[in-house]
Structures are given as structure tokens and as C-alpha cells.
Amino acid sequence: MKRSQINAAIKKMEALAKKHGFLLPPFCHWSPETWQNKDNTYNEIRETKLGWDVTDYGKGRFETTGFTLITIRNGILNHTQYNKPYAEKLLMLAEGQYAPMHFHWYKMEDIINRGGGTVLITVYNSTPEETFADTPVTVLMDGHSRTVSPGTEVRLAPGTSITIPPYLYHDFRVMPGTGDVLLGEVSMCNDDENDNRFYEQIGRFPKIEEDEAPYRLLCTEYPSAGT
């Protein structure tokens, strides 16, 4: 993925968050130069991977398969210092983009449409072998429980939410013609390296082609304290 694509995606999400009145935490505004002066009192940001995250899932087709997001708060399971049992994210899904089918072994999450278009989320239960189950899916949306057929696309209009328990396969796309979407995520601790089960084998973090200077550092790129 080109750095210019990452920079453009971050700027686009900054504008979308501003449009919908979502104020970002201070570390989201730091330049790469500012990061060079951050000492070990900021290690929680480094170690729990707070901040910007842009991915094309290793496909090289960010316009159609990809996501831009910010981890706003997070903990680490069984960690003595960063023992928050919860996480919060803000995500942008542009119209035309797709986030591939996956589930989490541990994390339960609520996905909230914070503004923009309508999101379509396809849901399947998982079998013990981690394939799609041909069984009805119970979904909980804003306190309302209902049962849908496997493979149903659930609609998430602005202001509505869905609860995604462990082992529930789900993906994301925007309903055509409704526009880019700002999504919130409130969940248990987030661990992108160990708690994502993608239905097809794909990558999570991009390989970056440096065609221009970074506008913001990604959460995987922070310099160590004192460097």
C-alpha cells in the first residue's frame, strides 16, 4: 500500500469525524516529528497500539477492500499495567470499500453507526471447524433480539448498533448510494494480532511503499521512548 494512499485516507477520516462532530484524542493529531519527543510516559499509547490504522488486508486494492480506523482506548489481557477490560475504536468505511468476513475468538463488540450512510453486515454462525454454519443467527440490535437466516445482510442505519459476540462471522460494506460511514466500536480488549479469524487467509497490516512522507504515524510505527 502506498504511503500517499494512507495519508489521503487519514485526512479523509479526519474530515468525516469533524463533519459528524466527533472530536479525536490529542495523539491522533501528532506529526511524526512530534512523536520523536514523546518519552516513556506515553508508553500506553505505544504498547496498546492506540492511534491510526489503515489496512488493505494485503490485497493491494484499498479502494475496494480496506478500512481506516483509530483505536481510541484499549487494554491488554492479563497485563498488570494496561489492565483495562475494554476498548473503543472509530472506523471509516468509504462507499465502495469492503471489510472481509471474520470473527473473534475472544472479543465481544458493539458496532455503532455514528453517521453517514447505511452499513450492510452479513452474519453467519461458525461451526466447530470454523466454517459457515447453516443455522439461524440471533442478532441483538439496540436491545432488540431477532433471528435471521444465515448469510443475511443486516442493515445498520445512522444511530443504530449491533452486538457481535465471539464466533459470529461478519463483514462490512456500505449500501450503494448512501455515502461514507463513520462507525464506532465498543468492545472487550482488542488484539488484532491474535484475535482475528478471517474466513480467507489475508493480512491485517499493510506493507507500505514510501512514495511520500507520512502525514501521521500508524499505530505500528511509533518510535521507542527517547529515540
C-alpha atoms as a PDB file:
ATOM      1  CA  MET A   1       0.000   0.000   0.000  1.00  0.00           C
ATOM      2  CA  LYS A   2       1.386   3.425  -0.901  1.00  0.00           C
ATOM      3  CA  ARG A   3       2.058   5.983   1.826  1.00  0.00           C
ATOM      4  CA  SER A   4       0.178   8.537  -0.264  1.00  0.00           C
ATOM      5  CA  GLN A   5      -2.942   6.336  -0.036  1.00  0.00           C
ATOM      6  CA  ILE A   6      -2.553   6.091   3.747  1.00  0.00           C
ATOM      7  CA  ASN A   7      -2.106   9.854   4.090  1.00  0.00           C
ATOM      8  CA  ALA A   8      -5.174  10.547   1.951  1.00  0.00           C
ATOM      9  CA  ALA A   9      -7.281   8.037   3.913  1.00  0.00           C
ATOM     10  CA  ILE A  10      -6.334   9.606   7.250  1.00  0.00           C
ATOM     11  CA  LYS A  11      -7.154  13.114   6.031  1.00  0.00           C
ATOM     12  CA  LYS A  12     -10.490  11.872   4.692  1.00  0.00           C
ATOM     13  CA  MET A  13     -11.363  10.287   8.035  1.00  0.00           C
ATOM     14  CA  GLU A  14     -10.345  13.445   9.907  1.00  0.00           C
ATOM     15  CA  ALA A  15     -12.784  15.391   7.736  1.00  0.00           C
ATOM     16  CA  LEU A  16     -15.574  12.826   8.224  1.00  0.00           C
ATOM     17  CA  ALA A  17     -15.125  12.839  12.010  1.00  0.00           C
ATOM     18  CA  LYS A  18     -15.252  16.649  12.027  1.00  0.00           C
ATOM     19  CA  LYS A  19     -18.383  16.605   9.867  1.00  0.00           C
ATOM     20  CA  HIS A  20     -20.183  14.391  12.371  1.00  0.00           C
ATOM     21  CA  GLY A  21     -18.905  16.257  15.438  1.00  0.00           C
ATOM     22  CA  PHE A  22     -16.588  13.518  16.741  1.00  0.00           C
ATOM     23  CA  LEU A  23     -13.548  15.082  18.424  1.00  0.00           C
ATOM     24  CA  LEU A  24     -10.388  12.997  18.190  1.00  0.00           C
ATOM     25  CA  PRO A  25      -7.940  12.480  21.091  1.00  0.00           C
ATOM     26  CA  PRO A  26      -4.705  14.532  21.083  1.00  0.00           C
ATOM     27  CA  PHE A  27      -2.415  11.729  19.891  1.00  0.00           C
ATOM     28  CA  CYS A  28      -4.368  11.495  16.646  1.00  0.00           C
ATOM     29  CA  HIS A  29      -3.091  14.959  15.694  1.00  0.00           C
ATOM     30  CA  TRP A  30       0.615  14.404  16.387  1.00  0.00           C
ATOM     31  CA  SER A  31       3.038  14.627  13.486  1.00  0.00           C
ATOM     32  CA  PRO A  32       5.914  12.151  13.045  1.00  0.00           C
ATOM     33  CA  GLU A  33       8.227  14.898  14.323  1.00  0.00           C
ATOM     34  CA  THR A  34       6.149  15.362  17.483  1.00  0.00           C
ATOM     35  CA  TRP A  35       6.380  11.637  18.173  1.00  0.00           C
ATOM     36  CA  GLN A  36      10.174  11.851  18.353  1.00  0.00           C
ATOM     37  CA  ASN A  37       9.861  13.883  21.573  1.00  0.00           C
ATOM     38  CA  LYS A  38       7.431  11.611  23.424  1.00  0.00           C
ATOM     39  CA  ASP A  39       9.040   9.908  26.416  1.00  0.00           C
ATOM     40  CA  ASN A  40       8.062   6.720  28.260  1.00  0.00           C
ATOM     41  CA  THR A  41       5.115   8.409  29.978  1.00  0.00           C
ATOM     42  CA  TYR A  42       3.318   7.846  26.656  1.00  0.00           C
ATOM     43  CA  ASN A  43       4.064   4.129  26.519  1.00  0.00           C
ATOM     44  CA  GLU A  44       0.427   3.136  26.944  1.00  0.00           C
ATOM     45  CA  ILE A  45      -0.233   4.598  23.502  1.00  0.00           C
ATOM     46  CA  ARG A  46       2.672   2.614  22.047  1.00  0.00           C
ATOM     47  CA  GLU A  47       2.038  -0.693  23.783  1.00  0.00           C
ATOM     48  CA  THR A  48      -1.732  -0.914  23.405  1.00  0.00           C
ATOM     49  CA  LYS A  49      -1.488   0.387  19.806  1.00  0.00           C
ATOM     50  CA  LEU A  50      -3.688   3.429  20.166  1.00  0.00           C
ATOM     51  CA  GLY A  51      -3.974   5.708  17.154  1.00  0.00           C
ATOM     52  CA  TRP A  52      -4.233   5.409  13.390  1.00  0.00           C
ATOM     53  CA  ASP A  53      -4.578   2.161  11.491  1.00  0.00           C
ATOM     54  CA  VAL A  54      -5.090   1.891   7.723  1.00  0.00           C
ATOM     55  CA  THR A  55      -5.244  -1.506   6.043  1.00  0.00           C
ATOM     56  CA  ASP A  56      -5.793  -3.037   2.639  1.00  0.00           C
ATOM     57  CA  TYR A  57      -5.667  -6.559   4.127  1.00  0.00           C
ATOM     58  CA  GLY A  58      -2.679  -7.328   1.911  1.00  0.00           C
ATOM     59  CA  LYS A  59      -4.868  -7.215  -1.201  1.00  0.00           C
ATOM     60  CA  GLY A  60      -3.414  -4.066  -2.737  1.00  0.00           C
ATOM     61  CA  ARG A  61      -6.925  -2.827  -3.583  1.00  0.00           C
ATOM     62  CA  PHE A  62      -7.639  -0.307  -0.831  1.00  0.00           C
ATOM     63  CA  GLU A  63     -10.439   1.391  -2.778  1.00  0.00           C
ATOM     64  CA  THR A  64     -12.451  -1.839  -2.718  1.00  0.00           C
ATOM     65  CA  THR A  65     -11.034  -3.871   0.201  1.00  0.00           C
ATOM     66  CA  GLY A  66      -9.868  -1.850   3.157  1.00  0.00           C
ATOM     67  CA  PHE A  67     -10.606   0.233   6.206  1.00  0.00           C
ATOM     68  CA  THR A  68      -9.383   3.314   8.060  1.00  0.00           C
ATOM     69  CA  LEU A  69      -9.680   3.341  11.836  1.00  0.00           C
ATOM     70  CA  ILE A  70      -8.470   4.754  15.142  1.00  0.00           C
ATOM     71  CA  THR A  71      -8.052   2.816  18.361  1.00  0.00           C
ATOM     72  CA  ILE A  72      -9.060   5.379  20.974  1.00  0.00           C
ATOM     73  CA  ARG A  73      -8.620   3.260  24.110  1.00  0.00           C
ATOM     74  CA  ASN A  74      -7.532  -0.304  24.760  1.00  0.00           C
ATOM     75  CA  GLY A  75      -6.207  -2.716  27.366  1.00  0.00           C
ATOM     76  CA  ILE A  76      -4.078  -5.849  27.285  1.00  0.00           C
ATOM     77  CA  LEU A  77      -5.440  -9.073  28.719  1.00  0.00           C
ATOM     78  CA  ASN A  78      -3.758 -10.195  31.962  1.00  0.00           C
ATOM     79  CA  HIS A  79      -1.399  -7.203  31.886  1.00  0.00           C
ATOM     80  CA  THR A  80      -0.530  -5.694  35.264  1.00  0.00           C
ATOM     81  CA  GLN A  81      -0.301  -2.121  33.969  1.00  0.00           C
ATOM     82  CA  TYR A  82      -2.674  -1.897  30.995  1.00  0.00           C
ATOM     83  CA  ASN A  83      -5.463  -3.976  32.507  1.00  0.00           C
ATOM     84  CA  LYS A  84      -8.463  -2.152  31.072  1.00  0.00           C
ATOM     85  CA  PRO A  85     -11.018  -4.824  30.100  1.00  0.00           C
ATOM     86  CA  TYR A  86     -12.421  -2.706  27.262  1.00  0.00           C
ATOM     87  CA  ALA A  87     -11.567  -0.946  24.016  1.00  0.00           C
ATOM     88  CA  GLU A  88     -13.053   1.741  21.791  1.00  0.00           C
ATOM     89  CA  LYS A  89     -12.484   2.378  18.102  1.00  0.00           C
ATOM     90  CA  LEU A  90     -13.643   4.805  15.463  1.00  0.00           C
ATOM     91  CA  LEU A  91     -13.759   3.473  11.906  1.00  0.00           C
ATOM     92  CA  MET A  92     -14.411   4.850   8.446  1.00  0.00           C
ATOM     93  CA  LEU A  93     -15.792   2.672   5.692  1.00  0.00           C
ATOM     94  CA  ALA A  94     -15.893   4.525   2.396  1.00  0.00           C
ATOM     95  CA  GLU A  95     -18.606   3.740  -0.090  1.00  0.00           C
ATOM     96  CA  GLY A  96     -17.273   1.001  -2.346  1.00  0.00           C
ATOM     97  CA  GLN A  97     -14.987  -0.487   0.321  1.00  0.00           C
ATOM     98  CA  TYR A  98     -15.406  -3.908   1.891  1.00  0.00           C
ATOM     99  CA  ALA A  99     -14.111  -5.306   5.191  1.00  0.00           C
ATOM    100  CA  PRO A 100     -13.690  -9.093   4.772  1.00  0.00           C
ATOM    101  CA  MET A 101     -15.571 -11.806   6.625  1.00  0.00           C
ATOM    102  CA  HIS A 102     -14.112 -12.645  10.037  1.00  0.00           C
ATOM    103  CA  PHE A 103     -14.874 -13.395  13.671  1.00  0.00           C
ATOM    104  CA  HIS A 104     -13.104 -13.008  17.005  1.00  0.00           C
ATOM    105  CA  TRP A 105     -12.354 -15.900  19.362  1.00  0.00           C
ATOM    106  CA  TYR A 106     -12.409 -13.668  22.457  1.00  0.00           C
ATOM    107  CA  LYS A 107     -13.732 -10.194  21.765  1.00  0.00           C
ATOM    108  CA  MET A 108     -17.385  -9.198  22.002  1.00  0.00           C
ATOM    109  CA  GLU A 109     -18.110  -5.859  20.375  1.00  0.00           C
ATOM    110  CA  ASP A 110     -20.882  -3.401  19.640  1.00  0.00           C
ATOM    111  CA  ILE A 111     -20.709  -1.736  16.219  1.00  0.00           C
ATOM    112  CA  ILE A 112     -22.478   1.651  16.116  1.00  0.00           C
ATOM    113  CA  ASN A 113     -23.271   3.714  13.046  1.00  0.00           C
ATOM    114  CA  ARG A 114     -22.128   7.179  14.146  1.00  0.00           C
ATOM    115  CA  GLY A 115     -23.168   8.918  10.952  1.00  0.00           C
ATOM    116  CA  GLY A 116     -23.178   8.885   7.170  1.00  0.00           C
ATOM    117  CA  GLY A 117     -24.540   6.072   5.027  1.00  0.00           C
ATOM    118  CA  THR A 118     -26.069   2.704   5.823  1.00  0.00           C
ATOM    119  CA  VAL A 119     -23.806  -0.260   6.585  1.00  0.00           C
ATOM    120  CA  LEU A 120     -24.629  -3.794   5.484  1.00  0.00           C
ATOM    121  CA  ILE A 121     -23.269  -6.562   7.735  1.00  0.00           C
ATOM    122  CA  THR A 122     -23.511 -10.198   6.606  1.00  0.00           C
ATOM    123  CA  VAL A 123     -23.749 -12.662   9.511  1.00  0.00           C
ATOM    124  CA  TYR A 124     -23.081 -16.383   9.908  1.00  0.00           C
ATOM    125  CA  ASN A 125     -22.597 -18.557  12.953  1.00  0.00           C
ATOM    126  CA  SER A 126     -19.351 -20.523  12.974  1.00  0.00           C
ATOM    127  CA  THR A 127     -19.160 -24.307  13.042  1.00  0.00           C
ATOM    128  CA  PRO A 128     -16.665 -26.010  15.402  1.00  0.00           C
ATOM    129  CA  GLU A 129     -14.418 -26.319  12.319  1.00  0.00           C
ATOM    130  CA  GLU A 130     -14.706 -22.509  11.824  1.00  0.00           C
ATOM    131  CA  THR A 131     -16.668 -22.685   8.579  1.00  0.00           C
ATOM    132  CA  PHE A 132     -20.060 -21.065   7.919  1.00  0.00           C
ATOM    133  CA  ALA A 133     -22.850 -22.797   9.841  1.00  0.00           C
ATOM    134  CA  ASP A 134     -26.185 -23.380   8.134  1.00  0.00           C
ATOM    135  CA  THR A 135     -28.069 -22.330  11.263  1.00  0.00           C
ATOM    136  CA  PRO A 136     -30.273 -19.345  12.147  1.00  0.00           C
ATOM    137  CA  VAL A 137     -28.407 -16.368  13.576  1.00  0.00           C
ATOM    138  CA  THR A 138     -29.680 -14.467  16.605  1.00  0.00           C
ATOM    139  CA  VAL A 139     -28.731 -10.793  16.383  1.00  0.00           C
ATOM    140  CA  LEU A 140     -29.102  -8.170  19.096  1.00  0.00           C
ATOM    141  CA  MET A 141     -29.637  -4.640  17.800  1.00  0.00           C
ATOM    142  CA  ASP A 142     -30.204  -1.792  20.253  1.00  0.00           C
ATOM    143  CA  GLY A 143     -31.811  -4.076  22.815  1.00  0.00           C
ATOM    144  CA  HIS A 144     -33.957  -5.933  20.270  1.00  0.00           C
ATOM    145  CA  SER A 145     -33.229  -9.620  19.702  1.00  0.00           C
ATOM    146  CA  ARG A 146     -34.283 -11.224  16.437  1.00  0.00           C
ATOM    147  CA  THR A 147     -33.409 -14.313  14.422  1.00  0.00           C
ATOM    148  CA  VAL A 148     -32.322 -14.165  10.782  1.00  0.00           C
ATOM    149  CA  SER A 149     -31.278 -16.729   8.179  1.00  0.00           C
ATOM    150  CA  PRO A 150     -27.554 -17.483   7.753  1.00  0.00           C
ATOM    151  CA  GLY A 151     -25.969 -15.092   5.267  1.00  0.00           C
ATOM    152  CA  THR A 152     -28.496 -12.320   5.944  1.00  0.00           C
ATOM    153  CA  GLU A 153     -27.261  -8.757   5.373  1.00  0.00           C
ATOM    154  CA  VAL A 154     -28.292  -6.768   8.435  1.00  0.00           C
ATOM    155  CA  ARG A 155     -28.790  -3.048   7.836  1.00  0.00           C
ATOM    156  CA  LEU A 156     -27.190  -0.576  10.223  1.00  0.00           C
ATOM    157  CA  ALA A 157     -28.644   2.893   9.665  1.00  0.00           C
ATOM    158  CA  PRO A 158     -27.166   6.007  11.327  1.00  0.00           C
ATOM    159  CA  GLY A 159     -27.696   5.882  15.084  1.00  0.00           C
ATOM    160  CA  THR A 160     -28.272   2.111  15.257  1.00  0.00           C
ATOM    161  CA  SER A 161     -25.965  -0.629  16.545  1.00  0.00           C
ATOM    162  CA  ILE A 162     -25.422  -4.375  16.570  1.00  0.00           C
ATOM    163  CA  THR A 163     -23.751  -6.661  19.113  1.00  0.00           C
ATOM    164  CA  ILE A 164     -21.206  -9.082  17.657  1.00  0.00           C
ATOM    165  CA  PRO A 165     -20.374 -11.972  20.043  1.00  0.00           C
ATOM    166  CA  PRO A 166     -17.339 -14.263  19.651  1.00  0.00           C
ATOM    167  CA  TYR A 167     -17.516 -16.802  16.814  1.00  0.00           C
ATOM    168  CA  LEU A 168     -20.065 -14.767  14.841  1.00  0.00           C
ATOM    169  CA  TYR A 169     -18.765 -14.267  11.312  1.00  0.00           C
ATOM    170  CA  HIS A 170     -19.398 -10.761   9.981  1.00  0.00           C
ATOM    171  CA  ASP A 171     -18.244  -8.416   7.252  1.00  0.00           C
ATOM    172  CA  PHE A 172     -18.967  -4.789   6.346  1.00  0.00           C
ATOM    173  CA  ARG A 173     -19.905  -2.853   3.235  1.00  0.00           C
ATOM    174  CA  VAL A 174     -21.779   0.361   2.555  1.00  0.00           C
ATOM    175  CA  MET A 175     -25.196   0.292   0.934  1.00  0.00           C
ATOM    176  CA  PRO A 176     -24.582   1.784  -2.525  1.00  0.00           C
ATOM    177  CA  GLY A 177     -25.648   5.388  -2.874  1.00  0.00           C
ATOM    178  CA  THR A 178     -25.773   6.162   0.857  1.00  0.00           C
ATOM    179  CA  GLY A 179     -22.246   7.588   1.311  1.00  0.00           C
ATOM    180  CA  ASP A 180     -19.195   7.061   3.526  1.00  0.00           C
ATOM    181  CA  VAL A 181     -19.859   5.836   7.070  1.00  0.00           C
ATOM    182  CA  LEU A 182     -18.340   6.690  10.445  1.00  0.00           C
ATOM    183  CA  LEU A 183     -18.575   3.647  12.719  1.00  0.00           C
ATOM    184  CA  GLY A 184     -17.997   3.348  16.438  1.00  0.00           C
ATOM    185  CA  GLU A 185     -16.834   0.175  18.135  1.00  0.00           C
ATOM    186  CA  VAL A 186     -17.130  -0.513  21.866  1.00  0.00           C
ATOM    187  CA  SER A 187     -15.686  -3.846  22.868  1.00  0.00           C
ATOM    188  CA  MET A 188     -13.608  -6.022  25.112  1.00  0.00           C
ATOM    189  CA  CYS A 189      -9.823  -5.686  24.733  1.00  0.00           C
ATOM    190  CA  ASN A 190      -8.689  -5.529  21.135  1.00  0.00           C
ATOM    191  CA  ASP A 191      -5.858  -7.776  19.900  1.00  0.00           C
ATOM    192  CA  ASP A 192      -5.535  -7.584  16.120  1.00  0.00           C
ATOM    193  CA  GLU A 193      -2.513  -9.872  16.027  1.00  0.00           C
ATOM    194  CA  ASN A 194      -4.126 -12.829  17.829  1.00  0.00           C
ATOM    195  CA  ASP A 195      -7.915 -12.447  17.855  1.00  0.00           C
ATOM    196  CA  ASN A 196      -8.957 -12.174  14.204  1.00  0.00           C
ATOM    197  CA  ARG A 197     -10.132 -15.280  12.362  1.00  0.00           C
ATOM    198  CA  PHE A 198     -10.529 -14.266   8.705  1.00  0.00           C
ATOM    199  CA  TYR A 199     -12.563 -16.653   6.565  1.00  0.00           C
ATOM    200  CA  GLU A 200      -9.982 -16.406   3.799  1.00  0.00           C
ATOM    201  CA  GLN A 201      -6.274 -16.137   4.517  1.00  0.00           C
ATOM    202  CA  ILE A 202      -5.374 -12.454   4.322  1.00  0.00           C
ATOM    203  CA  GLY A 203      -3.069  -9.992   6.033  1.00  0.00           C
ATOM    204  CA  ARG A 204      -4.051  -7.470   8.670  1.00  0.00           C
ATOM    205  CA  PHE A 205      -1.356  -4.770   8.491  1.00  0.00           C
ATOM    206  CA  PRO A 206      -0.143  -3.394   5.135  1.00  0.00           C
ATOM    207  CA  LYS A 207       3.278  -3.415   3.567  1.00  0.00           C
ATOM    208  CA  ILE A 208       3.973   0.240   2.830  1.00  0.00           C
ATOM    209  CA  GLU A 209       5.567   1.735  -0.276  1.00  0.00           C
ATOM    210  CA  GLU A 210       7.101   5.051   0.781  1.00  0.00           C
ATOM    211  CA  ASP A 211       6.190   7.347  -2.113  1.00  0.00           C
ATOM    212  CA  GLU A 212       5.836  10.433   0.142  1.00  0.00           C
ATOM    213  CA  ALA A 213       6.470  11.485   3.732  1.00  0.00           C
ATOM    214  CA  PRO A 214       3.993  10.225   6.366  1.00  0.00           C
ATOM    215  CA  TYR A 215       1.305  12.664   7.486  1.00  0.00           C
ATOM    216  CA  ARG A 216       0.595  10.676  10.680  1.00  0.00           C
ATOM    217  CA  LEU A 217       2.337   7.595  12.038  1.00  0.00           C
ATOM    218  CA  LEU A 218       0.332   4.392  12.171  1.00  0.00           C
ATOM    219  CA  CYS A 219      -0.048   2.599  15.486  1.00  0.00           C
ATOM    220  CA  THR A 220       2.599   0.079  14.416  1.00  0.00           C
ATOM    221  CA  GLU A 221       5.188   2.754  13.589  1.00  0.00           C
ATOM    222  CA  TYR A 222       5.825   4.705  16.804  1.00  0.00           C
ATOM    223  CA  PRO A 223       9.455   5.318  17.770  1.00  0.00           C
ATOM    224  CA  SER A 224      10.597   3.965  21.121  1.00  0.00           C
ATOM    225  CA  ALA A 225      10.727   6.418  24.014  1.00  0.00           C
ATOM    226  CA  GLY A 226      13.807   8.610  23.911  1.00  0.00           C
ATOM    227  CA  THR A 227      14.654   7.933  20.261  1.00  0.00           C
END
